Amino acid sequence: MIFIQKFAITCRVGLWNKQMPYFPSVSDEWSRDLKSVRYRNSVHVEVRDRTAAKLEQHEQLSIEKLRLEMELSRIANQSANQNNGQTSRVKSLDEIVKMVRLLTVKVPNKSDGWKYFFSSLEKAFASEMVMTS
């Protein structure tokens, strides 16, 4: 402990080279340690800054994504309100008519056989009464 106190006093006074010429490696090791500590600190700060930048970028992207989703839903609602749903009703009405026509095909009795049933289905498809998928 006494050596450390004398060493600190010697360093403060500036008599490093005069009083302690027999410890040249001590200052080299300390300067290397100081450089390594500074380097580690700079790397730590750089990694922290990169991580913070990535986190901020991720947050900005998620906010932008939510904003675009809200805008898309607003536009979809607006177009649905402008059309008043008439297009979807007409389309669904056409589909219902075609389905009813298909369902009104006579189901054969045992005496008629399946031949009549399949021929009527083929006629329905041929006349495009059934919507093709």
N, C-alpha and C. Protein backbone atom coordinates (compact mmCIF):
# COMPACT_ATOMS: atom_id res chain seq x y z
N MET A 1 0.82 -1.19 0.00
CA MET A 1 0.00 0.00 0.00
C MET A 1 0.87 1.25 0.00
N ILE A 2 1.93 1.22 0.73
CA ILE A 2 2.83 2.37 0.80
C ILE A 2 3.45 2.60 -0.58
N PHE A 3 3.78 1.51 -1.27
CA PHE A 3 4.38 1.63 -2.60
C PHE A 3 3.42 2.31 -3.57
N ILE A 4 2.16 1.95 -3.49
CA ILE A 4 1.16 2.54 -4.39
C ILE A 4 1.00 4.03 -4.10
N GLN A 5 1.01 4.40 -2.81
CA GLN A 5 0.89 5.82 -2.47
C GLN A 5 2.10 6.60 -2.97
N LYS A 6 3.30 6.05 -2.78
CA LYS A 6 4.49 6.74 -3.27
C LYS A 6 4.48 6.82 -4.79
N PHE A 7 3.99 5.77 -5.42
CA PHE A 7 3.93 5.74 -6.87
C PHE A 7 2.96 6.80 -7.39
N ALA A 8 1.83 6.95 -6.72
CA ALA A 8 0.84 7.94 -7.11
C ALA A 8 1.40 9.35 -6.94
N ILE A 9 2.11 9.58 -5.85
CA ILE A 9 2.72 10.89 -5.61
C ILE A 9 3.77 11.17 -6.68
N THR A 10 4.56 10.17 -7.01
CA THR A 10 5.59 10.33 -8.02
C THR A 10 4.98 10.66 -9.38
N CYS A 11 3.89 10.01 -9.70
CA CYS A 11 3.23 10.28 -10.98
C CYS A 11 2.65 11.68 -11.01
N ARG A 12 2.12 12.15 -9.89
CA ARG A 12 1.55 13.50 -9.84
C ARG A 12 2.63 14.56 -9.99
N VAL A 13 3.74 14.31 -9.39
CA VAL A 13 4.82 15.30 -9.43
C VAL A 13 5.45 15.32 -10.82
N GLY A 14 5.39 14.21 -11.52
CA GLY A 14 5.95 14.16 -12.86
C GLY A 14 7.38 13.65 -12.87
N LEU A 15 7.78 12.97 -11.83
CA LEU A 15 9.14 12.45 -11.75
C LEU A 15 9.20 10.98 -12.14
N TRP A 16 8.34 10.58 -13.00
CA TRP A 16 8.23 9.16 -13.37
C TRP A 16 9.56 8.63 -13.90
N ASN A 17 10.11 9.27 -14.88
CA ASN A 17 11.33 8.76 -15.50
C ASN A 17 12.55 8.91 -14.60
N LYS A 18 12.60 9.91 -13.74
CA LYS A 18 13.77 10.13 -12.90
C LYS A 18 13.80 9.17 -11.72
N GLN A 19 12.68 8.99 -11.06
CA GLN A 19 12.69 8.21 -9.83
C GLN A 19 12.47 6.72 -10.07
N MET A 20 11.80 6.32 -11.16
CA MET A 20 11.48 4.92 -11.35
C MET A 20 11.95 4.41 -12.71
N PRO A 21 13.23 4.47 -13.00
CA PRO A 21 13.68 3.99 -14.29
C PRO A 21 13.68 2.46 -14.38
N TYR A 22 13.59 1.78 -13.27
CA TYR A 22 13.65 0.33 -13.26
C TYR A 22 12.29 -0.32 -13.51
N PHE A 23 11.21 0.45 -13.71
CA PHE A 23 9.88 -0.08 -14.04
C PHE A 23 9.41 0.42 -15.42
N PRO A 24 10.14 0.16 -16.48
CA PRO A 24 9.67 0.67 -17.77
C PRO A 24 8.46 -0.12 -18.29
N SER A 25 8.34 -1.39 -17.93
CA SER A 25 7.24 -2.20 -18.45
C SER A 25 5.91 -1.87 -17.79
N VAL A 26 5.95 -1.28 -16.61
CA VAL A 26 4.71 -0.94 -15.92
C VAL A 26 3.92 0.08 -16.72
N SER A 27 4.59 1.12 -17.21
CA SER A 27 3.87 2.15 -17.96
C SER A 27 3.37 1.59 -19.29
N ASP A 28 4.13 0.68 -19.91
CA ASP A 28 3.67 0.06 -21.16
C ASP A 28 2.40 -0.76 -20.93
N GLU A 29 2.42 -1.56 -19.85
CA GLU A 29 1.25 -2.38 -19.56
C GLU A 29 0.03 -1.51 -19.26
N TRP A 30 0.28 -0.44 -18.49
CA TRP A 30 -0.84 0.44 -18.16
C TRP A 30 -1.39 1.14 -19.40
N SER A 31 -0.50 1.55 -20.27
CA SER A 31 -0.99 2.22 -21.47
C SER A 31 -1.76 1.23 -22.35
N ARG A 32 -1.29 -0.02 -22.42
CA ARG A 32 -2.02 -1.03 -23.18
C ARG A 32 -3.38 -1.30 -22.53
N ASP A 33 -3.37 -1.39 -21.19
CA ASP A 33 -4.64 -1.60 -20.49
C ASP A 33 -5.60 -0.43 -20.73
N LEU A 34 -5.07 0.78 -20.66
CA LEU A 34 -5.90 1.95 -20.88
C LEU A 34 -6.47 1.95 -22.30
N LYS A 35 -5.63 1.58 -23.28
CA LYS A 35 -6.10 1.51 -24.66
C LYS A 35 -7.16 0.43 -24.82
N SER A 36 -6.93 -0.72 -24.18
CA SER A 36 -7.92 -1.80 -24.31
C SER A 36 -9.23 -1.42 -23.63
N VAL A 37 -9.15 -0.74 -22.49
CA VAL A 37 -10.37 -0.30 -21.81
C VAL A 37 -11.12 0.71 -22.68
N ARG A 38 -10.37 1.65 -23.26
CA ARG A 38 -11.02 2.64 -24.13
C ARG A 38 -11.65 1.96 -25.34
N TYR A 39 -10.92 0.97 -25.90
CA TYR A 39 -11.45 0.25 -27.06
C TYR A 39 -12.72 -0.52 -26.69
N ARG A 40 -12.68 -1.22 -25.54
CA ARG A 40 -13.86 -1.96 -25.10
C ARG A 40 -15.05 -1.02 -24.87
N ASN A 41 -14.76 0.12 -24.26
CA ASN A 41 -15.84 1.09 -24.03
C ASN A 41 -16.41 1.60 -25.35
N SER A 42 -15.54 1.89 -26.31
CA SER A 42 -16.03 2.39 -27.60
C SER A 42 -16.84 1.31 -28.32
N VAL A 43 -16.38 0.05 -28.24
CA VAL A 43 -17.13 -1.04 -28.86
C VAL A 43 -18.49 -1.20 -28.18
N HIS A 44 -18.50 -1.12 -26.86
CA HIS A 44 -19.76 -1.25 -26.11
C HIS A 44 -20.73 -0.13 -26.50
N VAL A 45 -20.23 1.08 -26.59
CA VAL A 45 -21.07 2.22 -26.96
C VAL A 45 -21.59 2.04 -28.39
N GLU A 46 -20.71 1.57 -29.29
CA GLU A 46 -21.11 1.36 -30.68
C GLU A 46 -22.19 0.29 -30.79
N VAL A 47 -22.02 -0.81 -30.06
CA VAL A 47 -23.02 -1.88 -30.09
C VAL A 47 -24.35 -1.39 -29.51
N ARG A 48 -24.27 -0.64 -28.43
CA ARG A 48 -25.48 -0.09 -27.82
C ARG A 48 -26.20 0.86 -28.78
N ASP A 49 -25.42 1.70 -29.47
CA ASP A 49 -26.03 2.63 -30.43
C ASP A 49 -26.67 1.88 -31.59
N ARG A 50 -25.98 0.84 -32.09
CA ARG A 50 -26.55 0.05 -33.19
C ARG A 50 -27.84 -0.62 -32.76
N THR A 51 -27.83 -1.19 -31.56
CA THR A 51 -29.02 -1.87 -31.05
C THR A 51 -30.18 -0.88 -30.90
N ALA A 52 -29.87 0.29 -30.37
CA ALA A 52 -30.92 1.30 -30.22
C ALA A 52 -31.45 1.75 -31.57
N ALA A 53 -30.55 1.89 -32.55
CA ALA A 53 -30.98 2.30 -33.89
C ALA A 53 -31.85 1.22 -34.53
N LYS A 54 -31.47 -0.04 -34.37
CA LYS A 54 -32.27 -1.13 -34.92
C LYS A 54 -33.64 -1.19 -34.25
N LEU A 55 -33.68 -1.02 -32.94
CA LEU A 55 -34.95 -1.03 -32.22
C LEU A 55 -35.84 0.12 -32.68
N GLU A 56 -35.26 1.29 -32.83
CA GLU A 56 -36.03 2.44 -33.28
C GLU A 56 -36.54 2.23 -34.71
N GLN A 57 -35.69 1.65 -35.57
CA GLN A 57 -36.12 1.37 -36.94
C GLN A 57 -37.25 0.35 -36.96
N HIS A 58 -37.15 -0.68 -36.11
CA HIS A 58 -38.21 -1.69 -36.03
C HIS A 58 -39.52 -1.06 -35.56
N GLU A 59 -39.43 -0.18 -34.57
CA GLU A 59 -40.63 0.49 -34.08
C GLU A 59 -41.25 1.37 -35.17
N GLN A 60 -40.40 2.09 -35.91
CA GLN A 60 -40.90 2.94 -36.99
C GLN A 60 -41.59 2.11 -38.07
N LEU A 61 -40.99 0.95 -38.40
CA LEU A 61 -41.59 0.08 -39.40
C LEU A 61 -42.94 -0.48 -38.93
N SER A 62 -43.02 -0.85 -37.66
CA SER A 62 -44.29 -1.38 -37.16
C SER A 62 -45.36 -0.28 -37.13
N ILE A 63 -44.97 0.93 -36.79
CA ILE A 63 -45.92 2.05 -36.81
C ILE A 63 -46.38 2.32 -38.24
N GLU A 64 -45.45 2.30 -39.18
CA GLU A 64 -45.80 2.51 -40.58
C GLU A 64 -46.73 1.41 -41.09
N LYS A 65 -46.46 0.18 -40.69
CA LYS A 65 -47.30 -0.94 -41.10
C LYS A 65 -48.72 -0.77 -40.57
N LEU A 66 -48.85 -0.40 -39.31
CA LEU A 66 -50.18 -0.17 -38.73
C LEU A 66 -50.90 0.98 -39.43
N ARG A 67 -50.15 2.04 -39.75
CA ARG A 67 -50.76 3.18 -40.43
C ARG A 67 -51.28 2.76 -41.80
N LEU A 68 -50.49 1.97 -42.53
CA LEU A 68 -50.91 1.52 -43.86
C LEU A 68 -52.10 0.57 -43.78
N GLU A 69 -52.13 -0.29 -42.77
CA GLU A 69 -53.28 -1.19 -42.60
C GLU A 69 -54.55 -0.40 -42.31
N MET A 70 -54.42 0.63 -41.46
CA MET A 70 -55.58 1.47 -41.16
C MET A 70 -56.06 2.21 -42.40
N GLU A 71 -55.11 2.71 -43.20
CA GLU A 71 -55.49 3.41 -44.42
C GLU A 71 -56.17 2.46 -45.41
N LEU A 72 -55.65 1.24 -45.51
CA LEU A 72 -56.25 0.25 -46.40
C LEU A 72 -57.68 -0.08 -45.97
N SER A 73 -57.89 -0.29 -44.68
CA SER A 73 -59.24 -0.60 -44.21
C SER A 73 -60.17 0.60 -44.40
N ARG A 74 -59.64 1.81 -44.21
CA ARG A 74 -60.46 3.01 -44.43
C ARG A 74 -60.88 3.12 -45.89
N ILE A 75 -59.93 2.86 -46.80
CA ILE A 75 -60.25 2.92 -48.23
C ILE A 75 -61.26 1.84 -48.61
N ALA A 76 -61.09 0.64 -48.05
CA ALA A 76 -62.04 -0.44 -48.35
C ALA A 76 -63.43 -0.09 -47.85
N ASN A 77 -63.52 0.46 -46.65
CA ASN A 77 -64.83 0.88 -46.12
C ASN A 77 -65.44 2.00 -46.95
N GLN A 78 -64.59 2.92 -47.37
CA GLN A 78 -65.07 4.04 -48.17
C GLN A 78 -65.61 3.56 -49.51
N SER A 79 -64.90 2.64 -50.16
CA SER A 79 -65.38 2.14 -51.46
C SER A 79 -66.65 1.31 -51.28
N ALA A 80 -66.75 0.57 -50.18
CA ALA A 80 -67.97 -0.20 -49.92
C ALA A 80 -69.15 0.74 -49.68
N ASN A 81 -68.90 1.85 -48.99
CA ASN A 81 -69.98 2.82 -48.75
C ASN A 81 -70.40 3.51 -50.04
N GLN A 82 -69.44 3.77 -50.92
CA GLN A 82 -69.78 4.43 -52.19
C GLN A 82 -70.60 3.51 -53.08
N ASN A 83 -70.28 2.23 -53.06
CA ASN A 83 -71.03 1.27 -53.88
C ASN A 83 -72.34 0.87 -53.23
N ASN A 84 -72.49 1.19 -51.97
CA ASN A 84 -73.67 0.82 -51.19
C ASN A 84 -73.93 -0.68 -51.20
N GLY A 85 -72.93 -1.44 -51.48
CA GLY A 85 -73.06 -2.88 -51.45
C GLY A 85 -73.85 -3.45 -52.61
N GLN A 86 -74.21 -2.65 -53.61
CA GLN A 86 -75.04 -3.13 -54.71
C GLN A 86 -74.31 -4.16 -55.56
N THR A 87 -73.04 -3.95 -55.79
CA THR A 87 -72.29 -4.89 -56.62
C THR A 87 -72.24 -6.26 -55.98
N SER A 88 -72.00 -6.29 -54.67
CA SER A 88 -71.93 -7.58 -54.00
C SER A 88 -73.30 -8.26 -53.96
N ARG A 89 -74.38 -7.47 -53.84
CA ARG A 89 -75.72 -8.06 -53.82
C ARG A 89 -76.08 -8.68 -55.17
N VAL A 90 -75.77 -7.96 -56.23
CA VAL A 90 -76.09 -8.47 -57.57
C VAL A 90 -75.31 -9.74 -57.83
N LYS A 91 -74.05 -9.72 -57.46
CA LYS A 91 -73.23 -10.91 -57.68
C LYS A 91 -73.77 -12.08 -56.87
N SER A 92 -74.08 -11.83 -55.63
CA SER A 92 -74.60 -12.92 -54.81
C SER A 92 -75.99 -13.34 -55.28
N LEU A 93 -76.79 -12.41 -55.79
CA LEU A 93 -78.10 -12.76 -56.32
C LEU A 93 -77.96 -13.66 -57.55
N ASP A 94 -77.01 -13.34 -58.42
CA ASP A 94 -76.76 -14.20 -59.59
C ASP A 94 -76.33 -15.59 -59.15
N GLU A 95 -75.49 -15.64 -58.17
CA GLU A 95 -75.05 -16.95 -57.67
C GLU A 95 -76.22 -17.73 -57.08
N ILE A 96 -77.10 -17.04 -56.38
CA ILE A 96 -78.27 -17.72 -55.78
C ILE A 96 -79.18 -18.26 -56.87
N VAL A 97 -79.40 -17.48 -57.93
CA VAL A 97 -80.26 -17.95 -59.03
C VAL A 97 -79.67 -19.19 -59.67
N LYS A 98 -78.37 -19.18 -59.90
CA LYS A 98 -77.73 -20.34 -60.51
C LYS A 98 -77.81 -21.56 -59.60
N MET A 99 -77.65 -21.33 -58.31
CA MET A 99 -77.73 -22.46 -57.37
C MET A 99 -79.14 -23.02 -57.33
N VAL A 100 -80.15 -22.14 -57.37
CA VAL A 100 -81.54 -22.61 -57.36
C VAL A 100 -81.83 -23.40 -58.62
N ARG A 101 -81.34 -22.94 -59.75
CA ARG A 101 -81.55 -23.67 -61.00
C ARG A 101 -80.90 -25.05 -60.92
N LEU A 102 -79.74 -25.11 -60.33
CA LEU A 102 -79.06 -26.39 -60.19
C LEU A 102 -79.85 -27.31 -59.26
N LEU A 103 -80.37 -26.75 -58.17
CA LEU A 103 -81.09 -27.57 -57.21
C LEU A 103 -82.47 -28.00 -57.72
N THR A 104 -83.00 -27.30 -58.71
CA THR A 104 -84.31 -27.69 -59.24
C THR A 104 -84.22 -28.79 -60.28
N VAL A 105 -83.02 -29.27 -60.54
CA VAL A 105 -82.88 -30.40 -61.47
C VAL A 105 -83.57 -31.59 -60.83
N LYS A 106 -84.34 -32.27 -61.63
CA LYS A 106 -85.13 -33.38 -61.11
C LYS A 106 -84.21 -34.49 -60.61
N VAL A 107 -84.41 -34.89 -59.38
CA VAL A 107 -83.67 -36.01 -58.81
C VAL A 107 -84.39 -37.28 -59.23
N PRO A 108 -83.68 -38.21 -59.81
CA PRO A 108 -84.36 -39.40 -60.37
C PRO A 108 -84.89 -40.33 -59.30
N ASN A 109 -85.97 -40.98 -59.66
CA ASN A 109 -86.48 -42.07 -58.83
C ASN A 109 -85.66 -43.30 -59.17
N LYS A 110 -85.94 -44.37 -58.48
CA LYS A 110 -85.23 -45.61 -58.81
C LYS A 110 -85.56 -46.06 -60.22
N SER A 111 -86.77 -45.77 -60.66
CA SER A 111 -87.18 -46.22 -61.99
C SER A 111 -86.48 -45.40 -63.08
N ASP A 112 -86.25 -44.08 -62.83
CA ASP A 112 -85.60 -43.24 -63.84
C ASP A 112 -84.12 -43.61 -64.01
N GLY A 113 -83.49 -43.92 -62.91
CA GLY A 113 -82.07 -44.25 -62.97
C GLY A 113 -81.19 -43.00 -62.93
N TRP A 114 -79.96 -43.23 -62.80
CA TRP A 114 -79.00 -42.13 -62.66
C TRP A 114 -78.65 -41.51 -64.02
N LYS A 115 -78.97 -42.17 -65.10
CA LYS A 115 -78.64 -41.66 -66.42
C LYS A 115 -79.32 -40.31 -66.66
N TYR A 116 -80.59 -40.21 -66.31
CA TYR A 116 -81.33 -38.96 -66.48
C TYR A 116 -80.73 -37.85 -65.62
N PHE A 117 -80.35 -38.17 -64.40
CA PHE A 117 -79.78 -37.19 -63.48
C PHE A 117 -78.49 -36.61 -64.06
N PHE A 118 -77.59 -37.46 -64.51
CA PHE A 118 -76.32 -36.98 -65.04
C PHE A 118 -76.51 -36.24 -66.36
N SER A 119 -77.44 -36.67 -67.18
CA SER A 119 -77.69 -35.96 -68.44
C SER A 119 -78.23 -34.55 -68.16
N SER A 120 -79.08 -34.41 -67.16
CA SER A 120 -79.60 -33.08 -66.83
C SER A 120 -78.50 -32.19 -66.25
N LEU A 121 -77.59 -32.77 -65.48
CA LEU A 121 -76.45 -31.98 -64.98
C LEU A 121 -75.57 -31.52 -66.13
N GLU A 122 -75.33 -32.41 -67.09
CA GLU A 122 -74.52 -32.04 -68.25
C GLU A 122 -75.19 -30.92 -69.04
N LYS A 123 -76.50 -30.97 -69.18
CA LYS A 123 -77.23 -29.91 -69.88
C LYS A 123 -77.09 -28.59 -69.14
N ALA A 124 -77.16 -28.66 -67.82
CA ALA A 124 -77.04 -27.44 -67.01
C ALA A 124 -75.66 -26.82 -67.18
N PHE A 125 -74.64 -27.64 -67.17
CA PHE A 125 -73.29 -27.13 -67.37
C PHE A 125 -73.10 -26.61 -68.79
N ALA A 126 -73.69 -27.29 -69.75
CA ALA A 126 -73.56 -26.88 -71.15
C ALA A 126 -74.23 -25.53 -71.39
N SER A 127 -75.33 -25.28 -70.76
CA SER A 127 -76.02 -24.01 -70.95
C SER A 127 -75.50 -22.93 -69.99
N GLU A 128 -74.43 -23.24 -69.25
CA GLU A 128 -73.78 -22.33 -68.30
C GLU A 128 -74.73 -21.79 -67.26
N MET A 129 -75.62 -22.62 -66.84
CA MET A 129 -76.48 -22.23 -65.74
C MET A 129 -75.72 -22.33 -64.43
N VAL A 130 -74.66 -23.12 -64.42
CA VAL A 130 -73.87 -23.29 -63.21
C VAL A 130 -72.59 -22.49 -63.38
N MET A 131 -72.24 -21.75 -62.38
CA MET A 131 -71.03 -20.93 -62.43
C MET A 131 -69.81 -21.82 -62.35
N THR A 132 -68.87 -21.64 -63.28
CA THR A 132 -67.64 -22.45 -63.25
C THR A 132 -66.64 -21.79 -62.33
N SER A 133 -65.91 -22.59 -61.57
CA SER A 133 -64.96 -22.06 -60.59
C SER A 133 -63.59 -21.92 -61.19
